[in-house]
Amino acid sequence: MSSPAQPEGNADASRSRSLRGEVWVTRRAHFNAAHRLHNPDESEAWNREQFGPCNNPRWHGHNYVLEVTVRGEPDPKTGFVIELGDLKQLMQEAIIDKCDHRNLNEEVDFLHGLLPTTENLVIAFWNELAPRLRSGSLHCVRLYETERNYAEYHGPAAS
């Protein structure tokens, strides 16, 4: 006996070949970047006290790990929430190409004027990715600054 998700050879071609249910799909990417945590509206002493070594005037860098999660129901024809190659390309064009081996304070247009904390980065990355997504909906942007420290953002509706 066949299941509704797997019709036999001569079954109606319009039948879904996917099961119903919401699924979360995550893609991971890596990039390296430098930044300095420094609020120009505050004194040098305040910045040193707040940000410590991260306020180094000569910058410091991280090997970031970016995870982007898209949610949705699998397409009835492809079984995909989003084609992972499309998600990879979207992340590459919107984030990685602009941030990899860059100074986040000075070289990334969509970060201009922001303190490039991990918290601000996940919100900025969401804002770059969400309008470009063609299938599913953005569920989470997670950014590891170190192996032990990360921030994640679930979008403005979650706030």
N, C-alpha and C. Protein backbone atom coordinates (compact mmCIF):
# COMPACT_ATOMS: atom_id res chain seq x y z
N MET A 1 0.85 -1.16 0.00
CA MET A 1 0.00 0.00 0.00
C MET A 1 0.89 1.23 0.00
N SER A 2 0.52 2.25 -0.76
CA SER A 2 1.33 3.47 -0.82
C SER A 2 0.73 4.54 0.07
N SER A 3 1.59 5.44 0.52
CA SER A 3 1.13 6.55 1.36
C SER A 3 0.76 7.73 0.46
N PRO A 4 -0.02 8.69 0.97
CA PRO A 4 -0.38 9.86 0.17
C PRO A 4 0.83 10.65 -0.29
N ALA A 5 1.93 10.58 0.43
CA ALA A 5 3.11 11.34 0.05
C ALA A 5 3.90 10.64 -1.05
N GLN A 6 3.59 9.34 -1.33
CA GLN A 6 4.32 8.61 -2.34
C GLN A 6 3.33 7.85 -3.22
N PRO A 7 2.70 8.54 -4.17
CA PRO A 7 1.74 7.87 -5.02
C PRO A 7 2.42 6.86 -5.94
N GLU A 8 1.67 5.83 -6.33
CA GLU A 8 2.20 4.82 -7.25
C GLU A 8 2.35 5.43 -8.64
N GLY A 9 3.07 4.75 -9.51
CA GLY A 9 3.44 5.23 -10.84
C GLY A 9 2.36 5.95 -11.63
N ASN A 10 1.15 5.44 -11.70
CA ASN A 10 0.11 6.05 -12.52
C ASN A 10 -0.83 6.95 -11.73
N ALA A 11 -0.48 7.30 -10.53
CA ALA A 11 -1.35 8.14 -9.71
C ALA A 11 -1.44 9.54 -10.30
N ASP A 12 -2.43 10.26 -9.88
CA ASP A 12 -2.67 11.64 -10.32
C ASP A 12 -1.42 12.49 -10.13
N ALA A 13 -0.92 13.10 -11.20
CA ALA A 13 0.31 13.89 -11.16
C ALA A 13 0.16 15.13 -10.29
N SER A 14 -1.05 15.56 -10.01
CA SER A 14 -1.23 16.77 -9.21
C SER A 14 -1.15 16.48 -7.71
N ARG A 15 -1.02 15.23 -7.32
CA ARG A 15 -0.91 14.89 -5.91
C ARG A 15 0.40 15.39 -5.33
N SER A 16 0.34 15.77 -4.09
CA SER A 16 1.53 16.25 -3.41
C SER A 16 2.49 15.09 -3.17
N ARG A 17 3.75 15.35 -3.33
CA ARG A 17 4.78 14.38 -3.02
C ARG A 17 5.52 14.77 -1.75
N SER A 18 4.89 15.63 -0.98
CA SER A 18 5.46 16.09 0.29
C SER A 18 4.45 15.95 1.40
N LEU A 19 4.94 15.76 2.57
CA LEU A 19 4.09 15.74 3.75
C LEU A 19 3.86 17.15 4.24
N ARG A 20 2.74 17.36 4.90
CA ARG A 20 2.42 18.68 5.45
C ARG A 20 3.03 18.80 6.83
N GLY A 21 3.49 19.99 7.11
CA GLY A 21 4.06 20.28 8.42
C GLY A 21 5.09 21.38 8.30
N GLU A 22 5.20 22.18 9.35
CA GLU A 22 6.18 23.26 9.32
C GLU A 22 7.56 22.71 9.67
N VAL A 23 8.54 23.11 8.87
CA VAL A 23 9.91 22.62 9.01
C VAL A 23 10.84 23.82 9.10
N TRP A 24 11.91 23.70 9.89
CA TRP A 24 12.95 24.72 9.98
C TRP A 24 14.19 24.17 9.30
N VAL A 25 14.73 24.92 8.35
CA VAL A 25 15.92 24.53 7.59
C VAL A 25 17.01 25.56 7.87
N THR A 26 18.20 25.09 8.22
CA THR A 26 19.28 26.00 8.59
C THR A 26 20.49 25.77 7.69
N ARG A 27 21.09 26.89 7.31
CA ARG A 27 22.34 26.88 6.53
C ARG A 27 23.39 27.62 7.34
N ARG A 28 24.60 27.11 7.35
CA ARG A 28 25.71 27.71 8.09
C ARG A 28 26.75 28.22 7.09
N ALA A 29 27.33 29.38 7.42
CA ALA A 29 28.42 29.96 6.64
C ALA A 29 29.44 30.56 7.59
N HIS A 30 30.62 30.80 7.08
CA HIS A 30 31.71 31.35 7.88
C HIS A 30 32.24 32.61 7.22
N PHE A 31 32.69 33.55 8.03
CA PHE A 31 33.43 34.70 7.51
C PHE A 31 34.34 35.24 8.60
N ASN A 32 35.35 35.95 8.18
CA ASN A 32 36.31 36.55 9.11
C ASN A 32 36.22 38.06 8.94
N ALA A 33 36.21 38.77 10.05
CA ALA A 33 36.11 40.23 9.97
C ALA A 33 36.70 40.86 11.22
N ALA A 34 37.09 42.13 11.05
CA ALA A 34 37.60 42.92 12.16
C ALA A 34 36.57 43.96 12.55
N HIS A 35 36.65 44.39 13.81
CA HIS A 35 35.79 45.48 14.26
C HIS A 35 36.38 46.10 15.51
N ARG A 36 35.79 47.20 15.89
CA ARG A 36 36.13 47.87 17.15
C ARG A 36 34.83 48.29 17.80
N LEU A 37 34.67 47.95 19.06
CA LEU A 37 33.51 48.43 19.80
C LEU A 37 33.89 49.76 20.42
N HIS A 38 33.27 50.80 19.90
CA HIS A 38 33.59 52.17 20.34
C HIS A 38 32.39 53.06 20.03
N ASN A 39 31.86 53.70 21.07
CA ASN A 39 30.74 54.62 20.90
C ASN A 39 31.32 56.04 20.86
N PRO A 40 31.32 56.68 19.69
CA PRO A 40 31.92 58.01 19.58
C PRO A 40 31.18 59.09 20.37
N ASP A 41 29.99 58.79 20.86
CA ASP A 41 29.24 59.75 21.67
C ASP A 41 29.71 59.76 23.12
N GLU A 42 30.59 58.83 23.48
CA GLU A 42 31.08 58.71 24.85
C GLU A 42 32.58 58.95 24.89
N SER A 43 33.10 59.14 26.09
CA SER A 43 34.52 59.44 26.27
C SER A 43 35.38 58.20 26.00
N GLU A 44 36.68 58.45 25.80
CA GLU A 44 37.63 57.35 25.63
C GLU A 44 37.62 56.46 26.88
N ALA A 45 37.59 57.09 28.06
CA ALA A 45 37.59 56.32 29.31
C ALA A 45 36.35 55.45 29.41
N TRP A 46 35.19 56.00 29.08
CA TRP A 46 33.95 55.23 29.12
C TRP A 46 34.03 54.03 28.17
N ASN A 47 34.52 54.25 26.97
CA ASN A 47 34.65 53.18 25.99
C ASN A 47 35.61 52.10 26.46
N ARG A 48 36.74 52.49 27.02
CA ARG A 48 37.69 51.49 27.54
C ARG A 48 37.04 50.68 28.66
N GLU A 49 36.31 51.36 29.54
CA GLU A 49 35.67 50.66 30.66
C GLU A 49 34.57 49.71 30.16
N GLN A 50 33.76 50.15 29.23
CA GLN A 50 32.64 49.34 28.73
C GLN A 50 33.11 48.16 27.87
N PHE A 51 34.05 48.42 26.98
CA PHE A 51 34.37 47.44 25.94
C PHE A 51 35.71 46.73 26.14
N GLY A 52 36.52 47.19 27.08
CA GLY A 52 37.79 46.53 27.37
C GLY A 52 38.62 46.31 26.12
N PRO A 53 39.18 45.10 25.95
CA PRO A 53 40.05 44.82 24.79
C PRO A 53 39.32 44.98 23.44
N CYS A 54 38.01 44.89 23.44
CA CYS A 54 37.24 45.05 22.19
C CYS A 54 37.22 46.50 21.72
N ASN A 55 37.75 47.41 22.55
CA ASN A 55 37.84 48.82 22.18
C ASN A 55 39.22 49.16 21.61
N ASN A 56 40.03 48.18 21.36
CA ASN A 56 41.38 48.39 20.82
C ASN A 56 41.33 49.30 19.59
N PRO A 57 42.02 50.46 19.63
CA PRO A 57 41.98 51.37 18.48
C PRO A 57 42.56 50.78 17.20
N ARG A 58 43.29 49.69 17.33
CA ARG A 58 43.86 49.03 16.14
C ARG A 58 43.02 47.83 15.71
N TRP A 59 41.79 47.72 16.26
CA TRP A 59 40.82 46.71 15.87
C TRP A 59 41.15 45.35 16.45
N HIS A 60 40.26 44.43 16.27
CA HIS A 60 40.47 43.02 16.58
C HIS A 60 39.52 42.23 15.69
N GLY A 61 39.77 40.94 15.54
CA GLY A 61 38.98 40.17 14.61
C GLY A 61 38.36 38.92 15.19
N HIS A 62 37.42 38.37 14.42
CA HIS A 62 36.73 37.14 14.80
C HIS A 62 36.56 36.25 13.59
N ASN A 63 36.48 34.96 13.85
CA ASN A 63 36.10 33.97 12.84
C ASN A 63 34.62 33.67 13.11
N TYR A 64 33.76 34.42 12.45
CA TYR A 64 32.32 34.33 12.69
C TYR A 64 31.72 33.09 12.03
N VAL A 65 30.69 32.56 12.67
CA VAL A 65 29.86 31.51 12.09
C VAL A 65 28.44 32.05 12.05
N LEU A 66 27.87 32.10 10.87
CA LEU A 66 26.52 32.61 10.65
C LEU A 66 25.59 31.45 10.33
N GLU A 67 24.48 31.38 11.05
CA GLU A 67 23.44 30.38 10.77
C GLU A 67 22.15 31.11 10.47
N VAL A 68 21.53 30.75 9.36
CA VAL A 68 20.26 31.34 8.95
C VAL A 68 19.24 30.22 8.85
N THR A 69 18.12 30.39 9.56
CA THR A 69 17.07 29.38 9.58
C THR A 69 15.82 29.94 8.90
N VAL A 70 15.31 29.17 7.96
CA VAL A 70 14.08 29.50 7.22
C VAL A 70 13.04 28.47 7.61
N ARG A 71 11.80 28.93 7.82
CA ARG A 71 10.73 28.01 8.19
C ARG A 71 9.65 28.04 7.12
N GLY A 72 8.94 26.92 7.03
CA GLY A 72 7.82 26.83 6.10
C GLY A 72 7.43 25.39 5.88
N GLU A 73 6.44 25.21 5.03
CA GLU A 73 6.01 23.86 4.66
C GLU A 73 6.75 23.44 3.39
N PRO A 74 7.12 22.19 3.31
CA PRO A 74 7.77 21.72 2.09
C PRO A 74 6.86 21.94 0.87
N ASP A 75 7.48 22.37 -0.21
CA ASP A 75 6.76 22.56 -1.47
C ASP A 75 6.21 21.21 -1.92
N PRO A 76 4.95 21.17 -2.40
CA PRO A 76 4.36 19.88 -2.79
C PRO A 76 5.09 19.19 -3.94
N LYS A 77 5.78 19.93 -4.78
CA LYS A 77 6.48 19.32 -5.93
C LYS A 77 7.94 19.00 -5.63
N THR A 78 8.64 19.88 -4.88
CA THR A 78 10.07 19.68 -4.65
C THR A 78 10.39 19.06 -3.30
N GLY A 79 9.51 19.23 -2.34
CA GLY A 79 9.79 18.76 -0.99
C GLY A 79 10.66 19.71 -0.19
N PHE A 80 11.05 20.84 -0.79
CA PHE A 80 11.92 21.81 -0.12
C PHE A 80 11.10 22.92 0.51
N VAL A 81 11.53 23.39 1.68
CA VAL A 81 11.06 24.66 2.22
C VAL A 81 11.74 25.77 1.43
N ILE A 82 13.04 25.61 1.23
CA ILE A 82 13.85 26.50 0.40
C ILE A 82 14.96 25.63 -0.17
N GLU A 83 15.31 25.85 -1.40
CA GLU A 83 16.42 25.12 -2.00
C GLU A 83 17.69 25.62 -1.34
N LEU A 84 18.48 24.73 -0.74
CA LEU A 84 19.63 25.14 0.04
C LEU A 84 20.68 25.87 -0.79
N GLY A 85 20.77 25.59 -2.06
CA GLY A 85 21.67 26.34 -2.93
C GLY A 85 21.23 27.80 -3.04
N ASP A 86 19.92 28.02 -3.09
CA ASP A 86 19.41 29.39 -3.11
C ASP A 86 19.70 30.12 -1.81
N LEU A 87 19.53 29.43 -0.68
CA LEU A 87 19.83 30.05 0.61
C LEU A 87 21.33 30.35 0.73
N LYS A 88 22.16 29.43 0.27
CA LYS A 88 23.61 29.66 0.28
C LYS A 88 23.96 30.90 -0.53
N GLN A 89 23.40 31.02 -1.71
CA GLN A 89 23.69 32.17 -2.57
C GLN A 89 23.18 33.47 -1.95
N LEU A 90 22.00 33.44 -1.36
CA LEU A 90 21.45 34.61 -0.70
C LEU A 90 22.36 35.07 0.44
N MET A 91 22.79 34.14 1.28
CA MET A 91 23.68 34.49 2.38
C MET A 91 25.02 35.03 1.86
N GLN A 92 25.51 34.42 0.80
CA GLN A 92 26.78 34.85 0.21
C GLN A 92 26.69 36.29 -0.30
N GLU A 93 25.65 36.57 -1.07
CA GLU A 93 25.51 37.90 -1.68
C GLU A 93 25.15 38.98 -0.67
N ALA A 94 24.24 38.66 0.26
CA ALA A 94 23.74 39.69 1.18
C ALA A 94 24.69 39.96 2.34
N ILE A 95 25.42 38.93 2.79
CA ILE A 95 26.23 39.08 4.00
C ILE A 95 27.72 38.77 3.76
N ILE A 96 28.02 37.57 3.34
CA ILE A 96 29.41 37.10 3.30
C ILE A 96 30.27 37.95 2.37
N ASP A 97 29.83 38.18 1.14
CA ASP A 97 30.62 38.98 0.20
C ASP A 97 30.89 40.38 0.73
N LYS A 98 29.98 40.91 1.52
CA LYS A 98 30.12 42.28 2.03
C LYS A 98 30.94 42.34 3.32
N CYS A 99 30.97 41.25 4.11
CA CYS A 99 31.61 41.27 5.43
C CYS A 99 32.92 40.52 5.52
N ASP A 100 33.13 39.52 4.68
CA ASP A 100 34.30 38.66 4.82
C ASP A 100 35.59 39.44 4.57
N HIS A 101 36.53 39.31 5.49
CA HIS A 101 37.82 39.99 5.44
C HIS A 101 37.66 41.50 5.29
N ARG A 102 36.69 42.03 6.03
CA ARG A 102 36.42 43.47 6.02
C ARG A 102 36.49 44.01 7.45
N ASN A 103 36.60 45.32 7.51
CA ASN A 103 36.46 46.04 8.77
C ASN A 103 34.99 46.41 8.87
N LEU A 104 34.28 45.82 9.81
CA LEU A 104 32.83 46.01 9.92
C LEU A 104 32.46 47.45 10.24
N ASN A 105 33.32 48.17 10.93
CA ASN A 105 33.05 49.57 11.26
C ASN A 105 33.12 50.48 10.04
N GLU A 106 34.03 50.17 9.12
CA GLU A 106 34.35 51.13 8.06
C GLU A 106 34.00 50.68 6.65
N GLU A 107 33.89 49.39 6.40
CA GLU A 107 33.78 48.92 5.02
C GLU A 107 32.44 48.33 4.63
N VAL A 108 31.51 48.18 5.56
CA VAL A 108 30.24 47.52 5.25
C VAL A 108 29.13 48.56 5.28
N ASP A 109 28.58 48.86 4.10
CA ASP A 109 27.62 49.96 3.97
C ASP A 109 26.42 49.84 4.91
N PHE A 110 25.85 48.67 5.04
CA PHE A 110 24.64 48.54 5.85
C PHE A 110 24.92 48.54 7.36
N LEU A 111 26.20 48.59 7.75
CA LEU A 111 26.56 48.67 9.16
C LEU A 111 27.07 50.06 9.54
N HIS A 112 27.11 50.97 8.59
CA HIS A 112 27.66 52.30 8.84
C HIS A 112 26.98 52.97 10.04
N GLY A 113 27.79 53.41 10.99
CA GLY A 113 27.27 54.13 12.15
C GLY A 113 26.81 53.24 13.30
N LEU A 114 26.78 51.93 13.12
CA LEU A 114 26.36 51.01 14.18
C LEU A 114 27.55 50.54 15.00
N LEU A 115 27.33 50.26 16.25
CA LEU A 115 28.30 49.51 17.03
C LEU A 115 28.20 48.07 16.55
N PRO A 116 29.27 47.50 16.01
CA PRO A 116 29.17 46.15 15.44
C PRO A 116 29.26 45.05 16.50
N THR A 117 28.36 45.13 17.48
CA THR A 117 28.23 44.04 18.46
C THR A 117 27.54 42.87 17.77
N THR A 118 27.67 41.71 18.34
CA THR A 118 26.99 40.54 17.77
C THR A 118 25.48 40.76 17.76
N GLU A 119 24.96 41.43 18.80
CA GLU A 119 23.53 41.71 18.88
C GLU A 119 23.07 42.59 17.71
N ASN A 120 23.82 43.65 17.43
CA ASN A 120 23.46 44.53 16.32
C ASN A 120 23.65 43.84 14.97
N LEU A 121 24.68 43.00 14.88
CA LEU A 121 24.93 42.31 13.61
C LEU A 121 23.78 41.38 13.23
N VAL A 122 23.24 40.61 14.19
CA VAL A 122 22.16 39.69 13.81
C VAL A 122 20.92 40.44 13.33
N ILE A 123 20.64 41.60 13.93
CA ILE A 123 19.49 42.39 13.48
C ILE A 123 19.77 42.96 12.09
N ALA A 124 20.96 43.48 11.88
CA ALA A 124 21.32 44.03 10.57
C ALA A 124 21.30 42.94 9.50
N PHE A 125 21.80 41.76 9.83
CA PHE A 125 21.79 40.66 8.86
C PHE A 125 20.36 40.25 8.52
N TRP A 126 19.50 40.18 9.52
CA TRP A 126 18.08 39.89 9.28
C TRP A 126 17.52 40.89 8.27
N ASN A 127 17.79 42.17 8.51
CA ASN A 127 17.25 43.22 7.65
C ASN A 127 17.76 43.11 6.22
N GLU A 128 18.93 42.57 6.03
CA GLU A 128 19.48 42.36 4.68
C GLU A 128 18.87 41.12 4.03
N LEU A 129 18.63 40.09 4.81
CA LEU A 129 18.16 38.81 4.26
C LEU A 129 16.65 38.75 4.02
N ALA A 130 15.87 39.21 4.98
CA ALA A 130 14.41 39.02 4.93
C ALA A 130 13.76 39.51 3.64
N PRO A 131 14.08 40.70 3.15
CA PRO A 131 13.40 41.17 1.93
C PRO A 131 13.78 40.39 0.67
N ARG A 132 14.87 39.65 0.72
CA ARG A 132 15.37 38.93 -0.47
C ARG A 132 14.92 37.47 -0.51
N LEU A 133 14.33 37.01 0.56
CA LEU A 133 13.93 35.60 0.65
C LEU A 133 12.75 35.33 -0.27
N ARG A 134 12.86 34.30 -1.13
CA ARG A 134 11.81 34.01 -2.12
C ARG A 134 10.89 32.87 -1.72
N SER A 135 11.29 32.06 -0.75
CA SER A 135 10.40 30.99 -0.29
C SER A 135 10.62 30.78 1.19
N GLY A 136 9.59 30.29 1.86
CA GLY A 136 9.64 30.15 3.31
C GLY A 136 9.66 31.54 3.94
N SER A 137 9.87 31.57 5.24
CA SER A 137 10.01 32.85 5.92
C SER A 137 11.18 32.75 6.88
N LEU A 138 11.86 33.87 7.06
CA LEU A 138 13.02 33.89 7.93
C LEU A 138 12.57 33.63 9.36
N HIS A 139 13.20 32.67 10.01
CA HIS A 139 12.86 32.30 11.38
C HIS A 139 13.90 32.82 12.37
N CYS A 140 15.19 32.67 12.01
CA CYS A 140 16.23 33.03 12.97
C CYS A 140 17.54 33.32 12.24
N VAL A 141 18.23 34.34 12.72
CA VAL A 141 19.61 34.60 12.32
C VAL A 141 20.44 34.45 13.58
N ARG A 142 21.40 33.55 13.54
CA ARG A 142 22.29 33.30 14.69
C ARG A 142 23.71 33.56 14.23
N LEU A 143 24.46 34.27 15.08
CA LEU A 143 25.84 34.58 14.76
C LEU A 143 26.73 34.24 15.94
N TYR A 144 27.68 33.34 15.69
CA TYR A 144 28.68 33.00 16.69
C TYR A 144 29.87 33.93 16.49
N GLU A 145 30.19 34.69 17.53
CA GLU A 145 31.38 35.54 17.50
C GLU A 145 32.60 34.73 17.93
N THR A 146 32.37 33.84 18.86
CA THR A 146 33.38 32.87 19.29
C THR A 146 32.67 31.54 19.42
N GLU A 147 33.43 30.52 19.75
CA GLU A 147 32.84 29.19 19.93
C GLU A 147 31.83 29.18 21.07
N ARG A 148 32.01 30.08 22.04
CA ARG A 148 31.15 30.10 23.22
C ARG A 148 30.13 31.22 23.25
N ASN A 149 30.25 32.20 22.38
CA ASN A 149 29.36 33.38 22.42
C ASN A 149 28.61 33.55 21.11
N TYR A 150 27.30 33.66 21.22
CA TYR A 150 26.51 33.93 20.03
C TYR A 150 25.29 34.75 20.40
N ALA A 151 24.71 35.36 19.38
CA ALA A 151 23.43 36.07 19.53
C ALA A 151 22.51 35.55 18.44
N GLU A 152 21.21 35.57 18.72
CA GLU A 152 20.25 35.18 17.69
C GLU A 152 19.09 36.16 17.71
N TYR A 153 18.49 36.32 16.55
CA TYR A 153 17.38 37.25 16.37
C TYR A 153 16.29 36.54 15.61
N HIS A 154 15.05 36.69 16.11
CA HIS A 154 13.90 36.04 15.51
C HIS A 154 12.97 37.03 14.81
N GLY A 155 13.46 38.21 14.53
CA GLY A 155 12.68 39.18 13.77
C GLY A 155 11.87 40.12 14.61
N PRO A 156 11.38 41.18 13.98
CA PRO A 156 10.64 42.21 14.72
C PRO A 156 9.34 41.69 15.32
N ALA A 157 8.73 40.71 14.71
CA ALA A 157 7.46 40.18 15.23
C ALA A 157 7.65 39.46 16.55
N ALA A 158 8.86 38.95 16.80
CA ALA A 158 9.14 38.20 18.02
C ALA A 158 9.43 39.12 19.20
N SER A 159 9.68 40.39 18.91
CA SER A 159 10.06 41.33 19.98
C SER A 159 8.88 41.71 20.84
